[in-house]
């Protein structure tokens, strides 16, 4: 059982204080730094809410693709994708592209959900 408030709620509160109370007091040359910190806090909050579930789904799919479990599957997948290792088999290429798509959407949901919303993704 978790105590209230949750970690994501605490991050949201801290972000709100940063943006609405502290940022207006900063010199102009430091405002961009505060906005960057606020953006990082928003990403961390979204990640805390999902518990990393989207990334875990992709890792499970990578384990099925490679028929093994390893802590370096994402690195292996990136390397194989770059060198064209999936291009010899239409089925493997389709699976690799689908995984890349899911990974991209999962990352955007955490880092830039407004981009997804603006482009018709939920």
Foldseek 3Di string as FASTA:
>chain_A
DDDPPDPLVVLVVVLCCLVPPVLVVDPPVCNVVSVVVSLVSQLVSLCSVVVCVLVVVLQVLLCVLVVHHDPCSVVVLVVCVVVVVQVVDPVSVVSSVVSVVSVVVVSCVRRPVVVCVVVPHD
